[in-house]
Amino acid sequence: MKKELLFSVTKKDLIFEYFSGTGAGGQHRNKHQNCARVKHLPSGAIGTCQEHRSKTQNTKIAFRRMAESEKFQKWIRIEASRMSGKLEEIKQRVDKEMQHVKTEIKNEDGRWVKDNDK
């Protein structure tokens, strides 16, 4: 099966934040902002790292953690489905199956009654 590029994640999709670390480390730890946090705006996934003294190394690890997060992986699957045209097919199948689902809501008295909106 031939692979095809559906989308890419670029620097404009990310926010890089740097901050001082917490915990032991003394004056060097308190004065330098070498800890990194990477946020992916479309998915809301976040990766952080403060294990190393190097800002660059922390940034790379934070990016890797963000990319491996469950939230980012779900976003990738949804985005790939949308781009390949499969998402619309899935929505239609779900709508078809939802026709057979009966729903109930709680009224003001706390009783369960059939939902008439469906």
PDB file of N, CA and C in Angstrom:
ATOM      1  N   MET A   1       0.836  -1.173   0.000  1.00  0.00           N
ATOM      2  CA  MET A   1       0.000   0.000   0.000  1.00  0.00           C
ATOM      3  C   MET A   1       0.885   1.242   0.000  1.00  0.00           C
ATOM      4  N   LYS A   2       0.621   2.139  -0.916  1.00  0.00           N
ATOM      5  CA  LYS A   2       1.411   3.357  -1.035  1.00  0.00           C
ATOM      6  C   LYS A   2       0.979   4.363   0.027  1.00  0.00           C
ATOM      7  N   LYS A   3       1.964   4.949   0.715  1.00  0.00           N
ATOM      8  CA  LYS A   3       1.667   5.948   1.741  1.00  0.00           C
ATOM      9  C   LYS A   3       1.521   7.312   1.097  1.00  0.00           C
ATOM     10  N   GLU A   4       0.644   8.110   1.689  1.00  0.00           N
ATOM     11  CA  GLU A   4       0.343   9.434   1.158  1.00  0.00           C
ATOM     12  C   GLU A   4       0.333  10.431   2.313  1.00  0.00           C
ATOM     13  N   LEU A   5       0.909  11.608   2.086  1.00  0.00           N
ATOM     14  CA  LEU A   5       0.911  12.651   3.103  1.00  0.00           C
ATOM     15  C   LEU A   5      -0.454  13.326   3.131  1.00  0.00           C
ATOM     16  N   LEU A   6      -1.150  13.191   4.257  1.00  0.00           N
ATOM     17  CA  LEU A   6      -2.478  13.784   4.397  1.00  0.00           C
ATOM     18  C   LEU A   6      -2.416  15.162   5.033  1.00  0.00           C
ATOM     19  N   PHE A   7      -1.525  15.344   6.004  1.00  0.00           N
ATOM     20  CA  PHE A   7      -1.380  16.617   6.686  1.00  0.00           C
ATOM     21  C   PHE A   7      -0.026  16.624   7.373  1.00  0.00           C
ATOM     22  N   SER A   8       0.373  17.780   7.855  1.00  0.00           N
ATOM     23  CA  SER A   8       1.632  17.876   8.594  1.00  0.00           C
ATOM     24  C   SER A   8       1.439  18.809   9.789  1.00  0.00           C
ATOM     25  N   VAL A   9       2.244  18.586  10.801  1.00  0.00           N
ATOM     26  CA  VAL A   9       2.240  19.434  11.984  1.00  0.00           C
ATOM     27  C   VAL A   9       3.457  20.344  11.866  1.00  0.00           C
ATOM     28  N   THR A  10       3.219  21.642  11.877  1.00  0.00           N
ATOM     29  CA  THR A  10       4.309  22.610  11.725  1.00  0.00           C
ATOM     30  C   THR A  10       4.477  23.419  13.006  1.00  0.00           C
ATOM     31  N   LYS A  11       5.501  24.237  13.022  1.00  0.00           N
ATOM     32  CA  LYS A  11       5.804  25.052  14.195  1.00  0.00           C
ATOM     33  C   LYS A  11       4.672  26.023  14.526  1.00  0.00           C
ATOM     34  N   LYS A  12       3.914  26.447  13.509  1.00  0.00           N
ATOM     35  CA  LYS A  12       2.819  27.390  13.764  1.00  0.00           C
ATOM     36  C   LYS A  12       1.658  26.734  14.510  1.00  0.00           C
ATOM     37  N   ASP A  13       1.606  25.386  14.525  1.00  0.00           N
ATOM     38  CA  ASP A  13       0.571  24.656  15.260  1.00  0.00           C
ATOM     39  C   ASP A  13       0.936  24.469  16.731  1.00  0.00           C
ATOM     40  N   LEU A  14       2.162  24.848  17.100  1.00  0.00           N
ATOM     41  CA  LEU A  14       2.676  24.578  18.439  1.00  0.00           C
ATOM     42  C   LEU A  14       2.972  25.861  19.195  1.00  0.00           C
ATOM     43  N   ILE A  15       2.908  25.763  20.512  1.00  0.00           N
ATOM     44  CA  ILE A  15       3.358  26.837  21.394  1.00  0.00           C
ATOM     45  C   ILE A  15       4.473  26.256  22.256  1.00  0.00           C
ATOM     46  N   PHE A  16       5.617  26.904  22.242  1.00  0.00           N
ATOM     47  CA  PHE A  16       6.746  26.496  23.070  1.00  0.00           C
ATOM     48  C   PHE A  16       6.837  27.455  24.244  1.00  0.00           C
ATOM     49  N   GLU A  17       6.852  26.905  25.458  1.00  0.00           N
ATOM     50  CA  GLU A  17       6.978  27.710  26.661  1.00  0.00           C
ATOM     51  C   GLU A  17       8.185  27.220  27.445  1.00  0.00           C
ATOM     52  N   TYR A  18       8.905  28.144  28.051  1.00  0.00           N
ATOM     53  CA  TYR A  18      10.072  27.798  28.852  1.00  0.00           C
ATOM     54  C   TYR A  18       9.897  28.378  30.240  1.00  0.00           C
ATOM     55  N   PHE A  19      10.322  27.616  31.250  1.00  0.00           N
ATOM     56  CA  PHE A  19      10.119  28.035  32.635  1.00  0.00           C
ATOM     57  C   PHE A  19      11.229  27.484  33.508  1.00  0.00           C
ATOM     58  N   SER A  20      11.331  28.038  34.712  1.00  0.00           N
ATOM     59  CA  SER A  20      12.310  27.550  35.689  1.00  0.00           C
ATOM     60  C   SER A  20      11.798  26.258  36.294  1.00  0.00           C
ATOM     61  N   GLY A  21      12.711  25.369  36.553  1.00  0.00           N
ATOM     62  CA  GLY A  21      12.336  24.067  37.096  1.00  0.00           C
ATOM     63  C   GLY A  21      12.018  24.131  38.572  1.00  0.00           C
ATOM     64  N   THR A  22      11.460  23.052  39.077  1.00  0.00           N
ATOM     65  CA  THR A  22      11.139  22.948  40.491  1.00  0.00           C
ATOM     66  C   THR A  22      12.022  21.879  41.108  1.00  0.00           C
ATOM     67  N   GLY A  23      12.130  21.899  42.399  1.00  0.00           N
ATOM     68  CA  GLY A  23      12.886  20.882  43.098  1.00  0.00           C
ATOM     69  C   GLY A  23      14.325  21.291  43.352  1.00  0.00           C
ATOM     70  N   ALA A  24      15.143  20.311  43.710  1.00  0.00           N
ATOM     71  CA  ALA A  24      16.543  20.557  44.059  1.00  0.00           C
ATOM     72  C   ALA A  24      17.327  21.018  42.844  1.00  0.00           C
ATOM     73  N   GLY A  25      18.385  21.766  43.075  1.00  0.00           N
ATOM     74  CA  GLY A  25      19.220  22.236  41.978  1.00  0.00           C
ATOM     75  C   GLY A  25      19.872  23.555  42.290  1.00  0.00           C
ATOM     76  N   GLY A  26      19.391  24.207  43.314  1.00  0.00           N
ATOM     77  CA  GLY A  26      20.022  25.430  43.776  1.00  0.00           C
ATOM     78  C   GLY A  26      19.841  26.612  42.850  1.00  0.00           C
ATOM     79  N   GLN A  27      20.836  27.490  42.868  1.00  0.00           N
ATOM     80  CA  GLN A  27      20.752  28.759  42.162  1.00  0.00           C
ATOM     81  C   GLN A  27      20.637  28.573  40.646  1.00  0.00           C
ATOM     82  N   HIS A  28      21.352  27.610  40.098  1.00  0.00           N
ATOM     83  CA  HIS A  28      21.286  27.388  38.643  1.00  0.00           C
ATOM     84  C   HIS A  28      19.858  27.031  38.219  1.00  0.00           C
ATOM     85  N   ARG A  29      19.220  26.208  38.996  1.00  0.00           N
ATOM     86  CA  ARG A  29      17.853  25.762  38.696  1.00  0.00           C
ATOM     87  C   ARG A  29      16.866  26.931  38.776  1.00  0.00           C
ATOM     88  N   ASN A  30      17.066  27.808  39.729  1.00  0.00           N
ATOM     89  CA  ASN A  30      16.140  28.913  39.954  1.00  0.00           C
ATOM     90  C   ASN A  30      16.315  30.061  38.967  1.00  0.00           C
ATOM     91  N   LYS A  31      17.516  30.267  38.450  1.00  0.00           N
ATOM     92  CA  LYS A  31      17.791  31.418  37.598  1.00  0.00           C
ATOM     93  C   LYS A  31      17.571  31.154  36.114  1.00  0.00           C
ATOM     94  N   HIS A  32      17.640  29.913  35.684  1.00  0.00           N
ATOM     95  CA  HIS A  32      17.583  29.606  34.253  1.00  0.00           C
ATOM     96  C   HIS A  32      16.242  28.996  33.868  1.00  0.00           C
ATOM     97  N   GLN A  33      15.727  29.451  32.753  1.00  0.00           N
ATOM     98  CA  GLN A  33      14.460  28.902  32.243  1.00  0.00           C
ATOM     99  C   GLN A  33      14.777  27.893  31.147  1.00  0.00           C
ATOM    100  N   ASN A  34      15.182  26.711  31.582  1.00  0.00           N
ATOM    101  CA  ASN A  34      15.560  25.689  30.610  1.00  0.00           C
ATOM    102  C   ASN A  34      14.586  24.511  30.573  1.00  0.00           C
ATOM    103  N   CYS A  35      13.517  24.569  31.330  1.00  0.00           N
ATOM    104  CA  CYS A  35      12.484  23.537  31.268  1.00  0.00           C
ATOM    105  C   CYS A  35      11.512  23.903  30.154  1.00  0.00           C
ATOM    106  N   ALA A  36      10.966  22.888  29.484  1.00  0.00           N
ATOM    107  CA  ALA A  36      10.158  23.162  28.288  1.00  0.00           C
ATOM    108  C   ALA A  36       8.772  22.539  28.393  1.00  0.00           C
ATOM    109  N   ARG A  37       7.812  23.248  27.786  1.00  0.00           N
ATOM    110  CA  ARG A  37       6.441  22.748  27.631  1.00  0.00           C
ATOM    111  C   ARG A  37       6.051  23.006  26.178  1.00  0.00           C
ATOM    112  N   VAL A  38       5.525  21.985  25.519  1.00  0.00           N
ATOM    113  CA  VAL A  38       5.096  22.100  24.127  1.00  0.00           C
ATOM    114  C   VAL A  38       3.602  21.807  24.079  1.00  0.00           C
ATOM    115  N   LYS A  39       2.840  22.744  23.487  1.00  0.00           N
ATOM    116  CA  LYS A  39       1.388  22.578  23.357  1.00  0.00           C
ATOM    117  C   LYS A  39       1.030  22.523  21.878  1.00  0.00           C
ATOM    118  N   HIS A  40       0.217  21.534  21.515  1.00  0.00           N
ATOM    119  CA  HIS A  40      -0.307  21.440  20.152  1.00  0.00           C
ATOM    120  C   HIS A  40      -1.719  22.005  20.196  1.00  0.00           C
ATOM    121  N   LEU A  41      -1.916  23.142  19.556  1.00  0.00           N
ATOM    122  CA  LEU A  41      -3.180  23.866  19.663  1.00  0.00           C
ATOM    123  C   LEU A  41      -4.387  23.099  19.129  1.00  0.00           C
ATOM    124  N   PRO A  42      -4.344  22.500  17.915  1.00  0.00           N
ATOM    125  CA  PRO A  42      -5.528  21.828  17.397  1.00  0.00           C
ATOM    126  C   PRO A  42      -6.013  20.663  18.267  1.00  0.00           C
ATOM    127  N   SER A  43      -5.101  19.907  18.867  1.00  0.00           N
ATOM    128  CA  SER A  43      -5.516  18.745  19.656  1.00  0.00           C
ATOM    129  C   SER A  43      -5.592  19.042  21.149  1.00  0.00           C
ATOM    130  N   GLY A  44      -4.864  20.047  21.610  1.00  0.00           N
ATOM    131  CA  GLY A  44      -4.809  20.337  23.033  1.00  0.00           C
ATOM    132  C   GLY A  44      -3.808  19.481  23.774  1.00  0.00           C
ATOM    133  N   ALA A  45      -2.990  18.709  23.067  1.00  0.00           N
ATOM    134  CA  ALA A  45      -1.994  17.837  23.690  1.00  0.00           C
ATOM    135  C   ALA A  45      -0.841  18.674  24.230  1.00  0.00           C
ATOM    136  N   ILE A  46      -0.299  18.243  25.378  1.00  0.00           N
ATOM    137  CA  ILE A  46       0.787  18.962  26.029  1.00  0.00           C
ATOM    138  C   ILE A  46       1.879  17.970  26.413  1.00  0.00           C
ATOM    139  N   GLY A  47       3.127  18.390  26.208  1.00  0.00           N
ATOM    140  CA  GLY A  47       4.280  17.608  26.653  1.00  0.00           C
ATOM    141  C   GLY A  47       5.219  18.517  27.422  1.00  0.00           C
ATOM    142  N   THR A  48       5.765  18.032  28.540  1.00  0.00           N
ATOM    143  CA  THR A  48       6.692  18.832  29.325  1.00  0.00           C
ATOM    144  C   THR A  48       7.926  18.013  29.668  1.00  0.00           C
ATOM    145  N   CYS A  49       9.023  18.716  29.919  1.00  0.00           N
ATOM    146  CA  CYS A  49      10.254  18.065  30.354  1.00  0.00           C
ATOM    147  C   CYS A  49      11.075  19.060  31.144  1.00  0.00           C
ATOM    148  N   GLN A  50      11.616  18.596  32.287  1.00  0.00           N
ATOM    149  CA  GLN A  50      12.509  19.425  33.087  1.00  0.00           C
ATOM    150  C   GLN A  50      13.625  18.585  33.699  1.00  0.00           C
ATOM    151  N   GLU A  51      13.911  17.445  33.065  1.00  0.00           N
ATOM    152  CA  GLU A  51      14.913  16.536  33.619  1.00  0.00           C
ATOM    153  C   GLU A  51      16.353  16.958  33.347  1.00  0.00           C
ATOM    154  N   HIS A  52      16.593  17.697  32.275  1.00  0.00           N
ATOM    155  CA  HIS A  52      17.957  17.997  31.863  1.00  0.00           C
ATOM    156  C   HIS A  52      18.287  19.474  32.045  1.00  0.00           C
ATOM    157  N   ARG A  53      19.582  19.791  32.036  1.00  0.00           N
ATOM    158  CA  ARG A  53      20.018  21.185  32.137  1.00  0.00           C
ATOM    159  C   ARG A  53      19.907  21.899  30.807  1.00  0.00           C
ATOM    160  N   SER A  54      19.883  21.152  29.727  1.00  0.00           N
ATOM    161  CA  SER A  54      19.860  21.731  28.388  1.00  0.00           C
ATOM    162  C   SER A  54      18.438  22.063  27.958  1.00  0.00           C
ATOM    163  N   LYS A  55      18.237  23.307  27.561  1.00  0.00           N
ATOM    164  CA  LYS A  55      16.933  23.760  27.062  1.00  0.00           C
ATOM    165  C   LYS A  55      16.561  22.998  25.785  1.00  0.00           C
ATOM    166  N   THR A  56      17.534  22.798  24.915  1.00  0.00           N
ATOM    167  CA  THR A  56      17.299  22.097  23.651  1.00  0.00           C
ATOM    168  C   THR A  56      16.868  20.655  23.893  1.00  0.00           C
ATOM    169  N   GLN A  57      17.567  19.978  24.780  1.00  0.00           N
ATOM    170  CA  GLN A  57      17.247  18.585  25.081  1.00  0.00           C
ATOM    171  C   GLN A  57      15.857  18.476  25.716  1.00  0.00           C
ATOM    172  N   ASN A  58      15.546  19.380  26.635  1.00  0.00           N
ATOM    173  CA  ASN A  58      14.217  19.384  27.259  1.00  0.00           C
ATOM    174  C   ASN A  58      13.123  19.641  26.230  1.00  0.00           C
ATOM    175  N   THR A  59      13.389  20.541  25.276  1.00  0.00           N
ATOM    176  CA  THR A  59      12.400  20.847  24.239  1.00  0.00           C
ATOM    177  C   THR A  59      12.142  19.625  23.359  1.00  0.00           C
ATOM    178  N   LYS A  60      13.186  18.924  22.975  1.00  0.00           N
ATOM    179  CA  LYS A  60      13.032  17.722  22.139  1.00  0.00           C
ATOM    180  C   LYS A  60      12.219  16.652  22.858  1.00  0.00           C
ATOM    181  N   ILE A  61      12.522  16.435  24.121  1.00  0.00           N
ATOM    182  CA  ILE A  61      11.805  15.417  24.889  1.00  0.00           C
ATOM    183  C   ILE A  61      10.351  15.836  25.110  1.00  0.00           C
ATOM    184  N   ALA A  62      10.120  17.122  25.378  1.00  0.00           N
ATOM    185  CA  ALA A  62       8.747  17.619  25.564  1.00  0.00           C
ATOM    186  C   ALA A  62       7.944  17.428  24.282  1.00  0.00           C
ATOM    187  N   PHE A  63       8.566  17.707  23.128  1.00  0.00           N
ATOM    188  CA  PHE A  63       7.872  17.502  21.849  1.00  0.00           C
ATOM    189  C   PHE A  63       7.548  16.026  21.650  1.00  0.00           C
ATOM    190  N   ARG A  64       8.487  15.148  21.938  1.00  0.00           N
ATOM    191  CA  ARG A  64       8.249  13.713  21.788  1.00  0.00           C
ATOM    192  C   ARG A  64       7.106  13.255  22.693  1.00  0.00           C
ATOM    193  N   ARG A  65       7.086  13.748  23.926  1.00  0.00           N
ATOM    194  CA  ARG A  65       6.015  13.368  24.860  1.00  0.00           C
ATOM    195  C   ARG A  65       4.659  13.860  24.372  1.00  0.00           C
ATOM    196  N   MET A  66       4.636  15.072  23.821  1.00  0.00           N
ATOM    197  CA  MET A  66       3.388  15.599  23.271  1.00  0.00           C
ATOM    198  C   MET A  66       2.924  14.736  22.103  1.00  0.00           C
ATOM    199  N   ALA A  67       3.860  14.368  21.214  1.00  0.00           N
ATOM    200  CA  ALA A  67       3.515  13.578  20.030  1.00  0.00           C
ATOM    201  C   ALA A  67       3.065  12.169  20.392  1.00  0.00           C
ATOM    202  N   GLU A  68       3.546  11.629  21.490  1.00  0.00           N
ATOM    203  CA  GLU A  68       3.184  10.278  21.908  1.00  0.00           C
ATOM    204  C   GLU A  68       1.969  10.255  22.831  1.00  0.00           C
ATOM    205  N   SER A  69       1.450  11.420  23.187  1.00  0.00           N
ATOM    206  CA  SER A  69       0.316  11.478  24.116  1.00  0.00           C
ATOM    207  C   SER A  69      -0.944  10.901  23.470  1.00  0.00           C
ATOM    208  N   GLU A  70      -1.821  10.399  24.305  1.00  0.00           N
ATOM    209  CA  GLU A  70      -3.072   9.800  23.838  1.00  0.00           C
ATOM    210  C   GLU A  70      -3.943  10.829  23.112  1.00  0.00           C
ATOM    211  N   LYS A  71      -3.970  12.040  23.631  1.00  0.00           N
ATOM    212  CA  LYS A  71      -4.774  13.106  23.036  1.00  0.00           C
ATOM    213  C   LYS A  71      -4.318  13.416  21.605  1.00  0.00           C
ATOM    214  N   PHE A  72      -3.003  13.501  21.408  1.00  0.00           N
ATOM    215  CA  PHE A  72      -2.458  13.795  20.079  1.00  0.00           C
ATOM    216  C   PHE A  72      -2.703  12.627  19.127  1.00  0.00           C
ATOM    217  N   GLN A  73      -2.555  11.408  19.612  1.00  0.00           N
ATOM    218  CA  GLN A  73      -2.774  10.228  18.771  1.00  0.00           C
ATOM    219  C   GLN A  73      -4.236  10.137  18.316  1.00  0.00           C
ATOM    220  N   LYS A  74      -5.164  10.476  19.191  1.00  0.00           N
ATOM    221  CA  LYS A  74      -6.584  10.497  18.807  1.00  0.00           C
ATOM    222  C   LYS A  74      -6.832  11.556  17.741  1.00  0.00           C
ATOM    223  N   TRP A  75      -6.211  12.729  17.922  1.00  0.00           N
ATOM    224  CA  TRP A  75      -6.368  13.807  16.949  1.00  0.00           C
ATOM    225  C   TRP A  75      -5.839  13.373  15.587  1.00  0.00           C
ATOM    226  N   ILE A  76      -4.715  12.680  15.569  1.00  0.00           N
ATOM    227  CA  ILE A  76      -4.143  12.195  14.304  1.00  0.00           C
ATOM    228  C   ILE A  76      -5.122  11.267  13.597  1.00  0.00           C
ATOM    229  N   ARG A  77      -5.708  10.337  14.346  1.00  0.00           N
ATOM    230  CA  ARG A  77      -6.645   9.384  13.728  1.00  0.00           C
ATOM    231  C   ARG A  77      -7.875  10.098  13.155  1.00  0.00           C
ATOM    232  N   ILE A  78      -8.402  11.038  13.896  1.00  0.00           N
ATOM    233  CA  ILE A  78      -9.582  11.788  13.434  1.00  0.00           C
ATOM    234  C   ILE A  78      -9.228  12.624  12.213  1.00  0.00           C
ATOM    235  N   GLU A  79      -8.091  13.294  12.267  1.00  0.00           N
ATOM    236  CA  GLU A  79      -7.667  14.138  11.149  1.00  0.00           C
ATOM    237  C   GLU A  79      -7.406  13.307   9.896  1.00  0.00           C
ATOM    238  N   ALA A  80      -6.773  12.153  10.057  1.00  0.00           N
ATOM    239  CA  ALA A  80      -6.509  11.269   8.921  1.00  0.00           C
ATOM    240  C   ALA A  80      -7.816  10.752   8.326  1.00  0.00           C
ATOM    241  N   SER A  81      -8.767  10.420   9.176  1.00  0.00           N
ATOM    242  CA  SER A  81     -10.074   9.959   8.692  1.00  0.00           C
ATOM    243  C   SER A  81     -10.787  11.064   7.927  1.00  0.00           C
ATOM    244  N   ARG A  82     -10.719  12.271   8.459  1.00  0.00           N
ATOM    245  CA  ARG A  82     -11.361  13.414   7.804  1.00  0.00           C
ATOM    246  C   ARG A  82     -10.727  13.690   6.452  1.00  0.00           C
ATOM    247  N   MET A  83      -9.408  13.680   6.397  1.00  0.00           N
ATOM    248  CA  MET A  83      -8.695  13.987   5.157  1.00  0.00           C
ATOM    249  C   MET A  83      -8.893  12.910   4.088  1.00  0.00           C
ATOM    250  N   SER A  84      -9.005  11.673   4.515  1.00  0.00           N
ATOM    251  CA  SER A  84      -9.154  10.591   3.536  1.00  0.00           C
ATOM    252  C   SER A  84     -10.605  10.368   3.127  1.00  0.00           C
ATOM    253  N   GLY A  85     -11.540  11.103   3.723  1.00  0.00           N
ATOM    254  CA  GLY A  85     -12.944  10.977   3.364  1.00  0.00           C
ATOM    255  C   GLY A  85     -13.684   9.907   4.144  1.00  0.00           C
ATOM    256  N   LYS A  86     -13.018   9.232   5.047  1.00  0.00           N
ATOM    257  CA  LYS A  86     -13.645   8.158   5.823  1.00  0.00           C
ATOM    258  C   LYS A  86     -14.525   8.704   6.942  1.00  0.00           C
ATOM    259  N   LEU A  87     -14.255   9.914   7.405  1.00  0.00           N
ATOM    260  CA  LEU A  87     -15.005  10.455   8.530  1.00  0.00           C
ATOM    261  C   LEU A  87     -16.478  10.633   8.187  1.00  0.00           C
ATOM    262  N   GLU A  88     -16.769  11.105   7.008  1.00  0.00           N
ATOM    263  CA  GLU A  88     -18.162  11.286   6.581  1.00  0.00           C
ATOM    264  C   GLU A  88     -18.886   9.948   6.526  1.00  0.00           C
ATOM    265  N   GLU A  89     -18.186   8.924   6.046  1.00  0.00           N
ATOM    266  CA  GLU A  89     -18.762   7.573   5.989  1.00  0.00           C
ATOM    267  C   GLU A  89     -19.066   7.072   7.402  1.00  0.00           C
ATOM    268  N   ILE A  90     -18.166   7.320   8.333  1.00  0.00           N
ATOM    269  CA  ILE A  90     -18.365   6.897   9.723  1.00  0.00           C
ATOM    270  C   ILE A  90     -19.546   7.641  10.338  1.00  0.00           C
ATOM    271  N   LYS A  91     -19.651   8.941  10.086  1.00  0.00           N
ATOM    272  CA  LYS A  91     -20.776   9.732  10.618  1.00  0.00           C
ATOM    273  C   LYS A  91     -22.107   9.208  10.094  1.00  0.00           C
ATOM    274  N   GLN A  92     -22.156   8.861   8.815  1.00  0.00           N
ATOM    275  CA  GLN A  92     -23.389   8.326   8.237  1.00  0.00           C
ATOM    276  C   GLN A  92     -23.770   7.000   8.874  1.00  0.00           C
ATOM    277  N   ARG A  93     -22.783   6.141   9.114  1.00  0.00           N
ATOM    278  CA  ARG A  93     -23.057   4.847   9.744  1.00  0.00           C
ATOM    279  C   ARG A  93     -23.565   5.033  11.175  1.00  0.00           C
ATOM    280  N   VAL A  94     -22.965   5.980  11.904  1.00  0.00           N
ATOM    281  CA  VAL A  94     -23.399   6.244  13.281  1.00  0.00           C
ATOM    282  C   VAL A  94     -24.826   6.792  13.286  1.00  0.00           C
ATOM    283  N   ASP A  95     -25.127   7.744  12.391  1.00  0.00           N
ATOM    284  CA  ASP A  95     -26.475   8.306  12.310  1.00  0.00           C
ATOM    285  C   ASP A  95     -27.503   7.221  11.998  1.00  0.00           C
ATOM    286  N   LYS A  96     -27.146   6.311  11.106  1.00  0.00           N
ATOM    287  CA  LYS A  96     -28.043   5.210  10.738  1.00  0.00           C
ATOM    288  C   LYS A  96     -28.329   4.325  11.952  1.00  0.00           C
ATOM    289  N   GLU A  97     -27.299   4.006  12.715  1.00  0.00           N
ATOM    290  CA  GLU A  97     -27.469   3.158  13.890  1.00  0.00           C
ATOM    291  C   GLU A  97     -28.210   3.883  15.008  1.00  0.00           C
ATOM    292  N   MET A  98     -28.044   5.196  15.104  1.00  0.00           N
ATOM    293  CA  MET A  98     -28.691   5.964  16.170  1.00  0.00           C
ATOM    294  C   MET A  98     -30.208   6.036  15.982  1.00  0.00           C
ATOM    295  N   GLN A  99     -30.697   5.722  14.800  1.00  0.00           N
ATOM    296  CA  GLN A  99     -32.142   5.711  14.569  1.00  0.00           C
ATOM    297  C   GLN A  99     -32.821   4.634  15.402  1.00  0.00           C
ATOM    298  N   HIS A 100     -32.071   3.613  15.776  1.00  0.00           N
ATOM    299  CA  HIS A 100     -32.620   2.499  16.545  1.00  0.00           C
ATOM    300  C   HIS A 100     -32.434   2.669  18.050  1.00  0.00           C
ATOM    301  N   VAL A 101     -31.857   3.784  18.464  1.00  0.00           N
ATOM    302  CA  VAL A 101     -31.593   4.035  19.877  1.00  0.00           C
ATOM    303  C   VAL A 101     -32.716   4.879  20.457  1.00  0.00           C
ATOM    304  N   LYS A 102     -33.254   4.419  21.583  1.00  0.00           N
ATOM    305  CA  LYS A 102     -34.285   5.180  22.279  1.00  0.00           C
ATOM    306  C   LYS A 102     -33.625   5.933  23.422  1.00  0.00           C
ATOM    307  N   THR A 103     -34.017   7.175  23.585  1.00  0.00           N
ATOM    308  CA  THR A 103     -33.427   7.978  24.653  1.00  0.00           C
ATOM    309  C   THR A 103     -34.495   8.440  25.628  1.00  0.00           C
ATOM    310  N   GLU A 104     -34.075   8.613  26.871  1.00  0.00           N
ATOM    311  CA  GLU A 104     -34.944   9.118  27.913  1.00  0.00           C
ATOM    312  C   GLU A 104     -34.232  10.262  28.628  1.00  0.00           C
ATOM    313  N   ILE A 105     -35.025  11.170  29.171  1.00  0.00           N
ATOM    314  CA  ILE A 105     -34.473  12.283  29.938  1.00  0.00           C
ATOM    315  C   ILE A 105     -35.217  12.373  31.262  1.00  0.00           C
ATOM    316  N   LYS A 106     -34.587  13.029  32.237  1.00  0.00           N
ATOM    317  CA  LYS A 106     -35.246  13.248  33.526  1.00  0.00           C
ATOM    318  C   LYS A 106     -36.048  14.534  33.443  1.00  0.00           C
ATOM    319  N   ASN A 107     -37.314  14.468  33.836  1.00  0.00           N
ATOM    320  CA  ASN A 107     -38.139  15.679  33.848  1.00  0.00           C
ATOM    321  C   ASN A 107     -37.971  16.413  35.176  1.00  0.00           C
ATOM    322  N   GLU A 108     -38.749  17.446  35.377  1.00  0.00           N
ATOM    323  CA  GLU A 108     -38.633  18.263  36.582  1.00  0.00           C
ATOM    324  C   GLU A 108     -38.931  17.476  37.853  1.00  0.00           C
ATOM    325  N   ASP A 109     -39.773  16.430  37.749  1.00  0.00           N
ATOM    326  CA  ASP A 109     -40.148  15.616  38.905  1.00  0.00           C
ATOM    327  C   ASP A 109     -39.099  14.562  39.226  1.00  0.00           C
ATOM    328  N   GLY A 110     -38.064  14.441  38.388  1.00  0.00           N
ATOM    329  CA  GLY A 110     -37.032  13.431  38.605  1.00  0.00           C
ATOM    330  C   GLY A 110     -37.378  12.092  37.988  1.00  0.00           C
ATOM    331  N   ARG A 111     -38.442  12.044  37.199  1.00  0.00           N
ATOM    332  CA  ARG A 111     -38.840  10.792  36.539  1.00  0.00           C
ATOM    333  C   ARG A 111     -38.221  10.723  35.155  1.00  0.00           C
ATOM    334  N   TRP A 112     -37.959   9.507  34.714  1.00  0.00           N
ATOM    335  CA  TRP A 112     -37.426   9.279  33.363  1.00  0.00           C
ATOM    336  C   TRP A 112     -38.583   9.187  32.386  1.00  0.00           C
ATOM    337  N   VAL A 113     -38.538  10.007  31.339  1.00  0.00           N
ATOM    338  CA  VAL A 113     -39.565   9.999  30.298  1.00  0.00           C
ATOM    339  C   VAL A 113     -38.897   9.919  28.929  1.00  0.00           C
ATOM    340  N   LYS A 114     -39.648   9.471  27.924  1.00  0.00           N
ATOM    341  CA  LYS A 114     -39.100   9.355  26.575  1.00  0.00           C
ATOM    342  C   LYS A 114     -38.760  10.733  26.037  1.00  0.00           C
ATOM    343  N   ASP A 115     -37.626  10.810  25.359  1.00  0.00           N
ATOM    344  CA  ASP A 115     -37.194  12.055  24.733  1.00  0.00           C
ATOM    345  C   ASP A 115     -37.927  12.202  23.406  1.00  0.00           C
ATOM    346  N   ASN A 116     -38.748  13.248  23.272  1.00  0.00           N
ATOM    347  CA  ASN A 116     -39.555  13.450  22.068  1.00  0.00           C
ATOM    348  C   ASN A 116     -38.793  14.120  20.950  1.00  0.00           C
ATOM    349  N   ASP A 117     -37.586  14.602  21.217  1.00  0.00           N
ATOM    350  CA  ASP A 117     -36.819  15.298  20.192  1.00  0.00           C
ATOM    351  C   ASP A 117     -36.276  14.349  19.137  1.00  0.00           C
ATOM    352  N   LYS A 118     -36.192  13.079  19.412  1.00  0.00           N
ATOM    353  CA  LYS A 118     -35.595  12.122  18.456  1.00  0.00           C
ATOM    354  C   LYS A 118     -36.622  11.621  17.479  1.00  0.00           C
TER     355      LYS A 118
END
